Amino acid sequence: MKEHSTFNRFVDKLFNMKIMAFIVSLLLLISGIFVIALGIKGIYLAFLSLFYEGYDKPGIHIIEAVDTLLFALVILILSGGIYKLFLGDSETFKNTAVLSKVNSFKDLKVLLWETLLLTLTVWAALGYFHDEVFQYEQLVLPASILLLALALRFLKGGNPFKNEK
C-alpha cells in the first residue's frame, strides 16, 4: 500500500502544471538556442559564399539565415511566454520590451501571430527567388498570409477595411 501511495505522489508531482510548464519552457529555450546556432551557421556560410567561388546567390542564403533566426525568435517568445504565464509573476521579464506586455494567453497568441506572419512573409518571398517558373499554386501562401493578417486585425478589434486615424 505504501508503494502505491508513493507512486501516486510521484504522478501528482510529475503532472503538476508548473513542473510541466517549466519542462516545456526549458525544452523550447534549448530548441531556440539550437535554431539560433543554425541561423548563425547559415549567415557564416552566406558570407563565405560572397568570397569563394562555387556558391551562387549569396543573397538567398542570407535571407534563409534571417528566416531561420526569425523562427528562433518565435520559439524563444513562446518559451518566455509559457514561463511567464505559468511560473512568473508581474515582475517577470519587466525589463524586456516584448515579454513585459504578455499578461494573458491572448497577449501571447497575438505576439506569436505577429511574429509568425513576419516569418511566413520572408519565407514566401524566399520561394519566389528559388523558382524559375512561376505557377498559380505559388499564390496560396501569400493569400494565406493575407487571410491571417486580416484575422489578426479582427482579433485585435478593428475593421481592416475601414481607414482608422
N, C-alpha and C. Protein backbone atom coordinates (compact mmCIF):
# COMPACT_ATOMS: atom_id res chain seq x y z
N MET A 1 0.82 -1.19 0.00
CA MET A 1 0.00 0.00 0.00
C MET A 1 0.87 1.26 0.00
N LYS A 2 2.00 1.19 0.67
CA LYS A 2 2.89 2.34 0.75
C LYS A 2 3.49 2.65 -0.63
N GLU A 3 3.81 1.62 -1.44
CA GLU A 3 4.34 1.85 -2.77
C GLU A 3 3.33 2.57 -3.64
N HIS A 4 2.07 2.19 -3.54
CA HIS A 4 1.01 2.82 -4.32
C HIS A 4 0.89 4.30 -3.95
N SER A 5 1.00 4.60 -2.69
CA SER A 5 0.93 5.98 -2.23
C SER A 5 2.12 6.79 -2.74
N THR A 6 3.31 6.21 -2.73
CA THR A 6 4.50 6.88 -3.23
C THR A 6 4.37 7.11 -4.74
N PHE A 7 3.86 6.12 -5.45
CA PHE A 7 3.65 6.25 -6.88
C PHE A 7 2.65 7.36 -7.19
N ASN A 8 1.56 7.42 -6.44
CA ASN A 8 0.56 8.47 -6.66
C ASN A 8 1.14 9.85 -6.41
N ARG A 9 1.98 9.99 -5.38
CA ARG A 9 2.60 11.30 -5.13
C ARG A 9 3.55 11.67 -6.26
N PHE A 10 4.28 10.65 -6.77
CA PHE A 10 5.19 10.90 -7.89
C PHE A 10 4.41 11.36 -9.12
N VAL A 11 3.31 10.68 -9.42
CA VAL A 11 2.49 11.05 -10.57
C VAL A 11 1.88 12.43 -10.37
N ASP A 12 1.42 12.74 -9.17
CA ASP A 12 0.86 14.06 -8.88
C ASP A 12 1.90 15.15 -9.08
N LYS A 13 3.11 14.90 -8.62
CA LYS A 13 4.18 15.89 -8.79
C LYS A 13 4.60 16.01 -10.25
N LEU A 14 4.63 14.88 -10.95
CA LEU A 14 5.04 14.88 -12.34
C LEU A 14 4.06 15.68 -13.20
N PHE A 15 2.78 15.52 -12.92
CA PHE A 15 1.77 16.19 -13.73
C PHE A 15 1.33 17.51 -13.12
N ASN A 16 2.11 18.04 -12.22
CA ASN A 16 1.87 19.37 -11.71
C ASN A 16 2.08 20.35 -12.86
N MET A 17 1.15 21.25 -13.07
CA MET A 17 1.20 22.13 -14.22
C MET A 17 2.44 23.03 -14.22
N LYS A 18 2.89 23.45 -13.06
CA LYS A 18 4.08 24.30 -13.01
C LYS A 18 5.33 23.54 -13.43
N ILE A 19 5.43 22.28 -13.01
CA ILE A 19 6.60 21.49 -13.40
C ILE A 19 6.57 21.21 -14.89
N MET A 20 5.39 20.86 -15.41
CA MET A 20 5.28 20.60 -16.84
C MET A 20 5.58 21.86 -17.65
N ALA A 21 5.08 23.01 -17.20
CA ALA A 21 5.35 24.27 -17.90
C ALA A 21 6.83 24.60 -17.87
N PHE A 22 7.49 24.32 -16.75
CA PHE A 22 8.92 24.57 -16.66
C PHE A 22 9.69 23.67 -17.63
N ILE A 23 9.31 22.40 -17.70
CA ILE A 23 9.98 21.47 -18.60
C ILE A 23 9.77 21.89 -20.05
N VAL A 24 8.55 22.23 -20.41
CA VAL A 24 8.26 22.66 -21.78
C VAL A 24 9.01 23.95 -22.11
N SER A 25 9.00 24.90 -21.19
CA SER A 25 9.70 26.16 -21.40
C SER A 25 11.20 25.94 -21.56
N LEU A 26 11.76 25.08 -20.76
CA LEU A 26 13.19 24.78 -20.84
C LEU A 26 13.54 24.10 -22.16
N LEU A 27 12.73 23.14 -22.58
CA LEU A 27 12.98 22.46 -23.85
C LEU A 27 12.85 23.41 -25.02
N LEU A 28 11.87 24.31 -24.97
CA LEU A 28 11.73 25.31 -26.03
C LEU A 28 12.92 26.26 -26.05
N LEU A 29 13.41 26.64 -24.87
CA LEU A 29 14.58 27.50 -24.79
C LEU A 29 15.80 26.83 -25.42
N ILE A 30 16.00 25.57 -25.11
CA ILE A 30 17.12 24.82 -25.69
C ILE A 30 16.96 24.73 -27.21
N SER A 31 15.73 24.46 -27.66
CA SER A 31 15.47 24.39 -29.11
C SER A 31 15.74 25.73 -29.77
N GLY A 32 15.31 26.82 -29.12
CA GLY A 32 15.54 28.15 -29.68
C GLY A 32 17.01 28.47 -29.81
N ILE A 33 17.79 28.10 -28.80
CA ILE A 33 19.23 28.33 -28.86
C ILE A 33 19.86 27.50 -29.99
N PHE A 34 19.39 26.27 -30.16
CA PHE A 34 19.89 25.43 -31.25
C PHE A 34 19.56 26.04 -32.60
N VAL A 35 18.34 26.58 -32.76
CA VAL A 35 17.94 27.19 -34.03
C VAL A 35 18.75 28.47 -34.28
N ILE A 36 19.07 29.22 -33.21
CA ILE A 36 19.94 30.39 -33.36
C ILE A 36 21.30 29.96 -33.90
N ALA A 37 21.83 28.86 -33.37
CA ALA A 37 23.12 28.35 -33.86
C ALA A 37 23.03 27.99 -35.35
N LEU A 38 21.90 27.40 -35.77
CA LEU A 38 21.72 27.09 -37.19
C LEU A 38 21.66 28.36 -38.03
N GLY A 39 21.01 29.40 -37.51
CA GLY A 39 20.95 30.67 -38.23
C GLY A 39 22.31 31.33 -38.35
N ILE A 40 23.08 31.27 -37.28
CA ILE A 40 24.44 31.84 -37.32
C ILE A 40 25.30 31.08 -38.32
N LYS A 41 25.14 29.76 -38.35
CA LYS A 41 25.88 28.95 -39.32
C LYS A 41 25.47 29.34 -40.74
N GLY A 42 24.19 29.58 -40.95
CA GLY A 42 23.71 29.98 -42.27
C GLY A 42 24.27 31.33 -42.69
N ILE A 43 24.33 32.28 -41.76
CA ILE A 43 24.91 33.59 -42.08
C ILE A 43 26.39 33.45 -42.39
N TYR A 44 27.09 32.64 -41.62
CA TYR A 44 28.52 32.40 -41.86
C TYR A 44 28.74 31.82 -43.26
N LEU A 45 27.96 30.82 -43.63
CA LEU A 45 28.10 30.21 -44.95
C LEU A 45 27.72 31.19 -46.06
N ALA A 46 26.73 32.05 -45.78
CA ALA A 46 26.33 33.04 -46.78
C ALA A 46 27.45 34.04 -47.02
N PHE A 47 28.11 34.47 -45.96
CA PHE A 47 29.21 35.40 -46.14
C PHE A 47 30.42 34.73 -46.79
N LEU A 48 30.62 33.46 -46.52
CA LEU A 48 31.68 32.73 -47.22
C LEU A 48 31.40 32.67 -48.72
N SER A 49 30.12 32.54 -49.06
CA SER A 49 29.76 32.44 -50.48
C SER A 49 30.02 33.74 -51.22
N LEU A 50 30.15 34.84 -50.49
CA LEU A 50 30.48 36.10 -51.14
C LEU A 50 31.93 36.12 -51.65
N PHE A 51 32.80 35.40 -50.96
CA PHE A 51 34.22 35.49 -51.24
C PHE A 51 34.79 34.29 -51.98
N TYR A 52 34.08 33.19 -52.01
CA TYR A 52 34.60 31.99 -52.65
C TYR A 52 33.70 31.59 -53.81
N GLU A 53 34.33 31.06 -54.83
CA GLU A 53 33.56 30.59 -55.97
C GLU A 53 32.93 29.25 -55.65
N GLY A 54 31.95 28.88 -56.41
CA GLY A 54 31.27 27.62 -56.19
C GLY A 54 29.95 27.81 -55.47
N TYR A 55 29.74 28.96 -54.89
CA TYR A 55 28.47 29.27 -54.25
C TYR A 55 27.73 30.27 -55.14
N ASP A 56 26.45 30.07 -55.26
CA ASP A 56 25.68 31.00 -56.06
C ASP A 56 24.59 31.65 -55.21
N LYS A 57 24.19 32.81 -55.60
CA LYS A 57 23.11 33.56 -54.98
C LYS A 57 23.31 33.74 -53.47
N PRO A 58 24.32 34.48 -53.04
CA PRO A 58 24.55 34.65 -51.59
C PRO A 58 23.41 35.37 -50.89
N GLY A 59 22.69 36.23 -51.61
CA GLY A 59 21.56 36.94 -51.01
C GLY A 59 20.48 35.98 -50.53
N ILE A 60 20.25 34.94 -51.29
CA ILE A 60 19.24 33.94 -50.89
C ILE A 60 19.67 33.23 -49.62
N HIS A 61 20.95 32.93 -49.51
CA HIS A 61 21.45 32.26 -48.31
C HIS A 61 21.31 33.17 -47.08
N ILE A 62 21.52 34.46 -47.28
CA ILE A 62 21.36 35.41 -46.17
C ILE A 62 19.90 35.50 -45.75
N ILE A 63 18.99 35.55 -46.73
CA ILE A 63 17.56 35.61 -46.41
C ILE A 63 17.12 34.33 -45.70
N GLU A 64 17.63 33.17 -46.12
CA GLU A 64 17.31 31.91 -45.45
C GLU A 64 17.79 31.93 -44.00
N ALA A 65 18.99 32.48 -43.78
CA ALA A 65 19.52 32.56 -42.42
C ALA A 65 18.69 33.51 -41.56
N VAL A 66 18.27 34.62 -42.13
CA VAL A 66 17.42 35.57 -41.39
C VAL A 66 16.08 34.92 -41.06
N ASP A 67 15.54 34.16 -42.00
CA ASP A 67 14.29 33.46 -41.74
C ASP A 67 14.46 32.43 -40.63
N THR A 68 15.58 31.76 -40.60
CA THR A 68 15.87 30.81 -39.52
C THR A 68 15.94 31.53 -38.18
N LEU A 69 16.58 32.69 -38.15
CA LEU A 69 16.67 33.46 -36.92
C LEU A 69 15.30 33.99 -36.48
N LEU A 70 14.45 34.35 -37.44
CA LEU A 70 13.09 34.78 -37.09
C LEU A 70 12.30 33.62 -36.47
N PHE A 71 12.50 32.41 -37.01
CA PHE A 71 11.84 31.25 -36.43
C PHE A 71 12.36 30.98 -35.01
N ALA A 72 13.66 31.20 -34.80
CA ALA A 72 14.22 31.07 -33.45
C ALA A 72 13.57 32.08 -32.51
N LEU A 73 13.31 33.26 -33.02
CA LEU A 73 12.64 34.28 -32.21
C LEU A 73 11.24 33.83 -31.80
N VAL A 74 10.53 33.19 -32.72
CA VAL A 74 9.20 32.66 -32.39
C VAL A 74 9.31 31.64 -31.26
N ILE A 75 10.27 30.74 -31.36
CA ILE A 75 10.44 29.71 -30.34
C ILE A 75 10.80 30.33 -28.99
N LEU A 76 11.69 31.32 -28.99
CA LEU A 76 12.10 31.95 -27.73
C LEU A 76 10.96 32.75 -27.11
N ILE A 77 10.15 33.42 -27.93
CA ILE A 77 8.99 34.14 -27.40
C ILE A 77 8.00 33.16 -26.79
N LEU A 78 7.78 32.03 -27.45
CA LEU A 78 6.88 31.01 -26.90
C LEU A 78 7.42 30.48 -25.58
N SER A 79 8.71 30.23 -25.51
CA SER A 79 9.32 29.73 -24.27
C SER A 79 9.16 30.74 -23.13
N GLY A 80 9.50 31.99 -23.41
CA GLY A 80 9.38 33.02 -22.38
C GLY A 80 7.94 33.27 -21.98
N GLY A 81 7.02 33.22 -22.94
CA GLY A 81 5.61 33.42 -22.64
C GLY A 81 5.04 32.33 -21.77
N ILE A 82 5.38 31.09 -22.06
CA ILE A 82 4.92 29.98 -21.22
C ILE A 82 5.50 30.10 -19.82
N TYR A 83 6.77 30.46 -19.74
CA TYR A 83 7.39 30.63 -18.43
C TYR A 83 6.69 31.73 -17.64
N LYS A 84 6.44 32.86 -18.28
CA LYS A 84 5.82 33.98 -17.57
C LYS A 84 4.39 33.66 -17.15
N LEU A 85 3.62 33.04 -18.02
CA LEU A 85 2.21 32.78 -17.71
C LEU A 85 2.03 31.72 -16.63
N PHE A 86 2.89 30.70 -16.62
CA PHE A 86 2.71 29.61 -15.67
C PHE A 86 3.56 29.75 -14.41
N LEU A 87 4.74 30.31 -14.54
CA LEU A 87 5.67 30.32 -13.42
C LEU A 87 5.98 31.71 -12.89
N GLY A 88 5.82 32.70 -13.73
CA GLY A 88 6.23 34.04 -13.35
C GLY A 88 5.15 34.83 -12.64
N ASP A 89 5.52 36.05 -12.30
CA ASP A 89 4.57 36.98 -11.71
C ASP A 89 4.62 38.28 -12.52
N SER A 90 4.06 39.34 -12.00
CA SER A 90 4.01 40.60 -12.75
C SER A 90 5.39 41.21 -12.95
N GLU A 91 6.35 40.82 -12.15
CA GLU A 91 7.70 41.36 -12.26
C GLU A 91 8.59 40.56 -13.22
N THR A 92 8.14 39.40 -13.66
CA THR A 92 8.93 38.56 -14.56
C THR A 92 9.05 39.24 -15.92
N PHE A 93 10.25 39.35 -16.41
CA PHE A 93 10.56 39.97 -17.70
C PHE A 93 10.10 41.42 -17.79
N LYS A 94 10.05 42.13 -16.66
CA LYS A 94 9.55 43.51 -16.70
C LYS A 94 10.51 44.44 -17.44
N ASN A 95 11.76 44.07 -17.59
CA ASN A 95 12.74 44.92 -18.26
C ASN A 95 12.92 44.57 -19.73
N THR A 96 12.13 43.65 -20.24
CA THR A 96 12.21 43.30 -21.66
C THR A 96 11.08 44.00 -22.41
N ALA A 97 11.37 44.40 -23.62
CA ALA A 97 10.39 45.15 -24.39
C ALA A 97 9.22 44.27 -24.86
N VAL A 98 9.49 43.03 -25.17
CA VAL A 98 8.47 42.19 -25.77
C VAL A 98 7.65 41.44 -24.72
N LEU A 99 8.32 40.71 -23.86
CA LEU A 99 7.60 39.82 -22.93
C LEU A 99 7.00 40.56 -21.74
N SER A 100 7.35 41.82 -21.53
CA SER A 100 6.76 42.55 -20.41
C SER A 100 5.27 42.82 -20.65
N LYS A 101 4.85 42.82 -21.92
CA LYS A 101 3.46 43.10 -22.25
C LYS A 101 2.57 41.86 -22.25
N VAL A 102 3.17 40.68 -22.07
CA VAL A 102 2.40 39.43 -22.09
C VAL A 102 1.84 39.19 -20.69
N ASN A 103 0.51 39.28 -20.59
CA ASN A 103 -0.16 39.04 -19.32
C ASN A 103 -1.24 37.98 -19.41
N SER A 104 -1.53 37.52 -20.62
CA SER A 104 -2.56 36.50 -20.81
C SER A 104 -2.21 35.67 -22.03
N PHE A 105 -2.98 34.60 -22.21
CA PHE A 105 -2.76 33.76 -23.39
C PHE A 105 -3.07 34.54 -24.66
N LYS A 106 -4.05 35.43 -24.60
CA LYS A 106 -4.38 36.23 -25.78
C LYS A 106 -3.21 37.11 -26.17
N ASP A 107 -2.56 37.74 -25.20
CA ASP A 107 -1.38 38.57 -25.49
C ASP A 107 -0.28 37.74 -26.14
N LEU A 108 -0.05 36.55 -25.59
CA LEU A 108 0.98 35.67 -26.15
C LEU A 108 0.60 35.22 -27.55
N LYS A 109 -0.67 34.90 -27.76
CA LYS A 109 -1.14 34.45 -29.06
C LYS A 109 -0.97 35.55 -30.11
N VAL A 110 -1.33 36.78 -29.76
CA VAL A 110 -1.19 37.89 -30.71
C VAL A 110 0.27 38.14 -31.03
N LEU A 111 1.12 38.11 -30.02
CA LEU A 111 2.55 38.33 -30.23
C LEU A 111 3.14 37.24 -31.13
N LEU A 112 2.79 36.00 -30.87
CA LEU A 112 3.29 34.90 -31.72
C LEU A 112 2.72 35.01 -33.13
N TRP A 113 1.46 35.41 -33.22
CA TRP A 113 0.81 35.55 -34.52
C TRP A 113 1.53 36.60 -35.37
N GLU A 114 1.84 37.74 -34.77
CA GLU A 114 2.55 38.79 -35.49
C GLU A 114 3.94 38.32 -35.93
N THR A 115 4.62 37.62 -35.05
CA THR A 115 5.96 37.14 -35.38
C THR A 115 5.91 36.08 -36.47
N LEU A 116 4.92 35.20 -36.39
CA LEU A 116 4.78 34.17 -37.43
C LEU A 116 4.40 34.78 -38.77
N LEU A 117 3.60 35.83 -38.77
CA LEU A 117 3.27 36.49 -40.04
C LEU A 117 4.53 37.04 -40.71
N LEU A 118 5.40 37.63 -39.93
CA LEU A 118 6.65 38.14 -40.48
C LEU A 118 7.51 37.00 -41.02
N THR A 119 7.60 35.92 -40.26
CA THR A 119 8.39 34.77 -40.69
C THR A 119 7.82 34.15 -41.97
N LEU A 120 6.50 34.01 -42.03
CA LEU A 120 5.88 33.46 -43.24
C LEU A 120 6.06 34.37 -44.44
N THR A 121 6.04 35.68 -44.22
CA THR A 121 6.23 36.62 -45.32
C THR A 121 7.63 36.48 -45.91
N VAL A 122 8.63 36.38 -45.04
CA VAL A 122 10.00 36.19 -45.53
C VAL A 122 10.12 34.86 -46.26
N TRP A 123 9.51 33.82 -45.70
CA TRP A 123 9.57 32.50 -46.32
C TRP A 123 8.88 32.50 -47.69
N ALA A 124 7.73 33.19 -47.78
CA ALA A 124 7.02 33.25 -49.06
C ALA A 124 7.85 34.02 -50.10
N ALA A 125 8.45 35.12 -49.67
CA ALA A 125 9.29 35.89 -50.60
C ALA A 125 10.48 35.06 -51.06
N LEU A 126 11.03 34.28 -50.16
CA LEU A 126 12.17 33.43 -50.50
C LEU A 126 11.80 32.40 -51.56
N GLY A 127 10.57 31.92 -51.52
CA GLY A 127 10.12 30.94 -52.51
C GLY A 127 10.14 31.48 -53.92
N TYR A 128 9.92 32.78 -54.07
CA TYR A 128 9.95 33.38 -55.40
C TYR A 128 11.37 33.54 -55.93
N PHE A 129 12.35 33.61 -55.06
CA PHE A 129 13.73 33.70 -55.51
C PHE A 129 14.26 32.34 -55.98
N HIS A 130 13.75 31.27 -55.40
CA HIS A 130 14.24 29.93 -55.74
C HIS A 130 13.68 29.44 -57.08
N ASP A 131 12.44 29.76 -57.35
CA ASP A 131 11.77 29.19 -58.52
C ASP A 131 12.04 30.01 -59.77
N GLU A 132 12.25 29.29 -60.83
CA GLU A 132 12.46 29.92 -62.13
C GLU A 132 11.13 30.07 -62.87
N VAL A 133 10.27 29.08 -62.71
CA VAL A 133 8.97 29.08 -63.38
C VAL A 133 7.90 29.33 -62.32
N PHE A 134 7.06 30.31 -62.59
CA PHE A 134 6.01 30.65 -61.65
C PHE A 134 4.70 29.99 -62.04
N GLN A 135 4.00 29.47 -61.02
CA GLN A 135 2.71 28.83 -61.24
C GLN A 135 1.69 29.43 -60.27
N TYR A 136 0.41 29.25 -60.58
CA TYR A 136 -0.61 29.87 -59.76
C TYR A 136 -0.67 29.27 -58.35
N GLU A 137 -0.15 28.06 -58.15
CA GLU A 137 -0.14 27.46 -56.81
C GLU A 137 0.72 28.26 -55.84
N GLN A 138 1.66 29.04 -56.38
CA GLN A 138 2.53 29.84 -55.52
C GLN A 138 1.78 31.00 -54.86
N LEU A 139 0.56 31.25 -55.26
CA LEU A 139 -0.23 32.32 -54.65
C LEU A 139 -0.96 31.85 -53.40
N VAL A 140 -0.92 30.56 -53.11
CA VAL A 140 -1.62 30.04 -51.94
C VAL A 140 -1.02 30.59 -50.65
N LEU A 141 0.29 30.58 -50.52
CA LEU A 141 0.92 31.07 -49.30
C LEU A 141 0.71 32.58 -49.09
N PRO A 142 0.91 33.43 -50.10
CA PRO A 142 0.60 34.85 -49.88
C PRO A 142 -0.86 35.11 -49.56
N ALA A 143 -1.77 34.35 -50.18
CA ALA A 143 -3.19 34.52 -49.86
C ALA A 143 -3.46 34.09 -48.42
N SER A 144 -2.80 33.03 -47.98
CA SER A 144 -2.96 32.59 -46.59
C SER A 144 -2.41 33.63 -45.62
N ILE A 145 -1.29 34.24 -45.97
CA ILE A 145 -0.72 35.29 -45.13
C ILE A 145 -1.67 36.47 -45.04
N LEU A 146 -2.28 36.84 -46.16
CA LEU A 146 -3.26 37.93 -46.16
C LEU A 146 -4.45 37.60 -45.27
N LEU A 147 -4.96 36.39 -45.37
CA LEU A 147 -6.09 35.98 -44.52
C LEU A 147 -5.71 35.97 -43.04
N LEU A 148 -4.51 35.50 -42.73
CA LEU A 148 -4.05 35.52 -41.34
C LEU A 148 -3.90 36.94 -40.83
N ALA A 149 -3.42 37.84 -41.67
CA ALA A 149 -3.27 39.24 -41.26
C ALA A 149 -4.64 39.88 -41.02
N LEU A 150 -5.62 39.59 -41.89
CA LEU A 150 -6.97 40.10 -41.68
C LEU A 150 -7.59 39.54 -40.40
N ALA A 151 -7.38 38.25 -40.17
CA ALA A 151 -7.92 37.64 -38.95
C ALA A 151 -7.28 38.24 -37.70
N LEU A 152 -5.99 38.53 -37.78
CA LEU A 152 -5.31 39.17 -36.65
C LEU A 152 -5.89 40.56 -36.40
N ARG A 153 -6.16 41.28 -37.47
CA ARG A 153 -6.75 42.62 -37.32
C ARG A 153 -8.13 42.52 -36.66
N PHE A 154 -8.93 41.54 -37.05
CA PHE A 154 -10.24 41.35 -36.42
C PHE A 154 -10.07 40.97 -34.96
N LEU A 155 -9.10 40.12 -34.66
CA LEU A 155 -8.86 39.68 -33.29
C LEU A 155 -8.47 40.85 -32.39
N LYS A 156 -7.65 41.74 -32.94
CA LYS A 156 -7.22 42.89 -32.17
C LYS A 156 -8.35 43.91 -31.98
N GLY A 157 -9.43 43.72 -32.68
CA GLY A 157 -10.57 44.62 -32.51
C GLY A 157 -10.54 45.80 -33.45
N GLY A 158 -10.67 45.54 -34.69
CA GLY A 158 -10.69 46.61 -35.66
C GLY A 158 -11.20 46.10 -36.98
N ASN A 159 -11.71 47.03 -37.77
CA ASN A 159 -12.18 46.69 -39.09
C ASN A 159 -11.04 46.93 -40.08
N PRO A 160 -10.55 45.90 -40.75
CA PRO A 160 -9.41 46.08 -41.64
C PRO A 160 -9.76 46.87 -42.89
N PHE A 161 -11.05 47.05 -43.16
CA PHE A 161 -11.47 47.74 -44.37
C PHE A 161 -11.83 49.20 -44.12
N LYS A 162 -11.75 49.60 -42.86
CA LYS A 162 -12.07 50.99 -42.50
C LYS A 162 -10.76 51.71 -42.20
N ASN A 163 -10.58 52.88 -42.75
CA ASN A 163 -9.36 53.66 -42.53
C ASN A 163 -9.47 54.36 -41.18
N GLU A 164 -8.71 53.85 -40.20
CA GLU A 164 -8.75 54.42 -38.85
C GLU A 164 -7.56 55.34 -38.67
N LYS A 165 -7.83 56.56 -38.18
CA LYS A 165 -6.74 57.51 -37.96
C LYS A 165 -6.60 57.83 -36.50
